[in-house]
Amino acid sequence: MLKNTEQTVGLACTCGAFVKILESYGLSDFTMTENFSEQTVSITVADSLSDEGKAWIEERAEADFPSHLKVEFTYV
């Protein structure tokens, strides 16, 4: 999985790299906000997802995003 992420983002820790990760999950309608002081990334997802889909997205993000960041999801 790490190799897949490395291929997707090229080991970059940038907003653009995070967008590519989210798009690789099949998401297309989302916004992302970073809070540098709290080391969080808040993602609001407007794509239509089942509860299982949401759980899968969150599980993948936990594995793929840098471990020092807290990733928070909101679904609208």
Protein backbone atom coordinates (compact mmCIF):
# COMPACT_ATOMS: atom_id res chain seq x y z
CA MET A 1 0.00 0.00 0.00
CA LEU A 2 2.83 2.37 0.78
CA LYS A 3 4.25 1.85 -2.70
CA ASN A 4 0.84 2.70 -4.19
CA THR A 5 0.71 5.91 -2.19
CA GLU A 6 4.27 6.79 -3.13
CA GLN A 7 3.37 6.31 -6.78
CA THR A 8 0.23 8.42 -6.39
CA VAL A 9 1.77 11.38 -4.57
CA GLY A 10 5.49 10.96 -5.14
CA LEU A 11 6.21 11.21 -1.40
CA ALA A 12 4.91 14.80 -1.39
CA CYS A 13 3.17 16.28 1.66
CA THR A 14 1.22 19.02 -0.12
CA CYS A 15 -2.42 19.96 -0.68
CA GLY A 16 -2.06 18.90 -4.30
CA ALA A 17 -0.77 15.50 -3.26
CA PHE A 18 -3.65 15.08 -0.80
CA VAL A 19 -6.16 15.97 -3.54
CA LYS A 20 -4.63 13.25 -5.73
CA ILE A 21 -5.00 10.74 -2.91
CA LEU A 22 -8.67 11.63 -2.44
CA GLU A 23 -9.31 11.48 -6.18
CA SER A 24 -7.67 8.04 -6.29
CA TYR A 25 -10.42 6.91 -3.89
CA GLY A 26 -13.00 7.95 -6.47
CA LEU A 27 -14.00 11.20 -4.76
CA SER A 28 -14.77 14.16 -7.00
CA ASP A 29 -16.93 16.56 -4.96
CA PHE A 30 -14.97 17.58 -1.87
CA THR A 31 -13.24 20.51 -0.23
CA MET A 32 -10.18 20.33 1.97
CA THR A 33 -8.92 22.73 4.63
CA GLU A 34 -5.58 22.49 6.41
CA ASN A 35 -4.93 23.79 9.91
CA PHE A 36 -1.14 23.90 10.19
CA SER A 37 -1.04 24.85 13.88
CA GLU A 38 -3.19 21.85 14.85
CA GLN A 39 -1.79 19.54 12.15
CA THR A 40 -5.26 18.66 10.88
CA VAL A 41 -6.79 18.26 7.46
CA SER A 42 -10.57 18.69 7.36
CA ILE A 43 -12.30 17.20 4.35
CA THR A 44 -15.93 17.87 3.47
CA VAL A 45 -17.27 15.29 1.03
CA ALA A 46 -20.41 15.90 -1.04
CA ASP A 47 -20.12 12.70 -3.10
CA SER A 48 -22.95 10.22 -2.46
CA LEU A 49 -21.47 7.36 -0.44
CA SER A 50 -22.85 4.43 1.52
CA ASP A 51 -21.81 3.95 5.14
CA GLU A 52 -19.45 1.22 3.94
CA GLY A 53 -17.98 3.60 1.36
CA LYS A 54 -17.41 6.25 4.01
CA ALA A 55 -15.70 3.73 6.29
CA TRP A 56 -13.48 2.57 3.42
CA ILE A 57 -12.49 6.15 2.54
CA GLU A 58 -11.60 6.91 6.16
CA GLU A 59 -9.63 3.67 6.52
CA ARG A 60 -7.64 4.39 3.35
CA ALA A 61 -6.96 7.98 4.43
CA GLU A 62 -5.67 6.74 7.78
CA ALA A 63 -3.22 4.50 5.93
CA ASP A 64 -2.28 6.90 3.12
CA PHE A 65 -2.02 10.34 4.72
CA PRO A 66 1.11 11.23 6.71
CA SER A 67 0.82 9.91 10.25
CA HIS A 68 1.49 13.31 11.87
CA LEU A 69 -1.76 14.69 10.41
CA LYS A 70 -5.20 14.20 11.90
CA VAL A 71 -7.66 13.73 9.05
CA GLU A 72 -11.28 14.68 9.79
CA PHE A 73 -14.16 13.86 7.43
CA THR A 74 -17.58 15.51 7.18
CA TYR A 75 -20.22 14.25 4.73
CA VAL A 76 -22.91 16.55 3.35
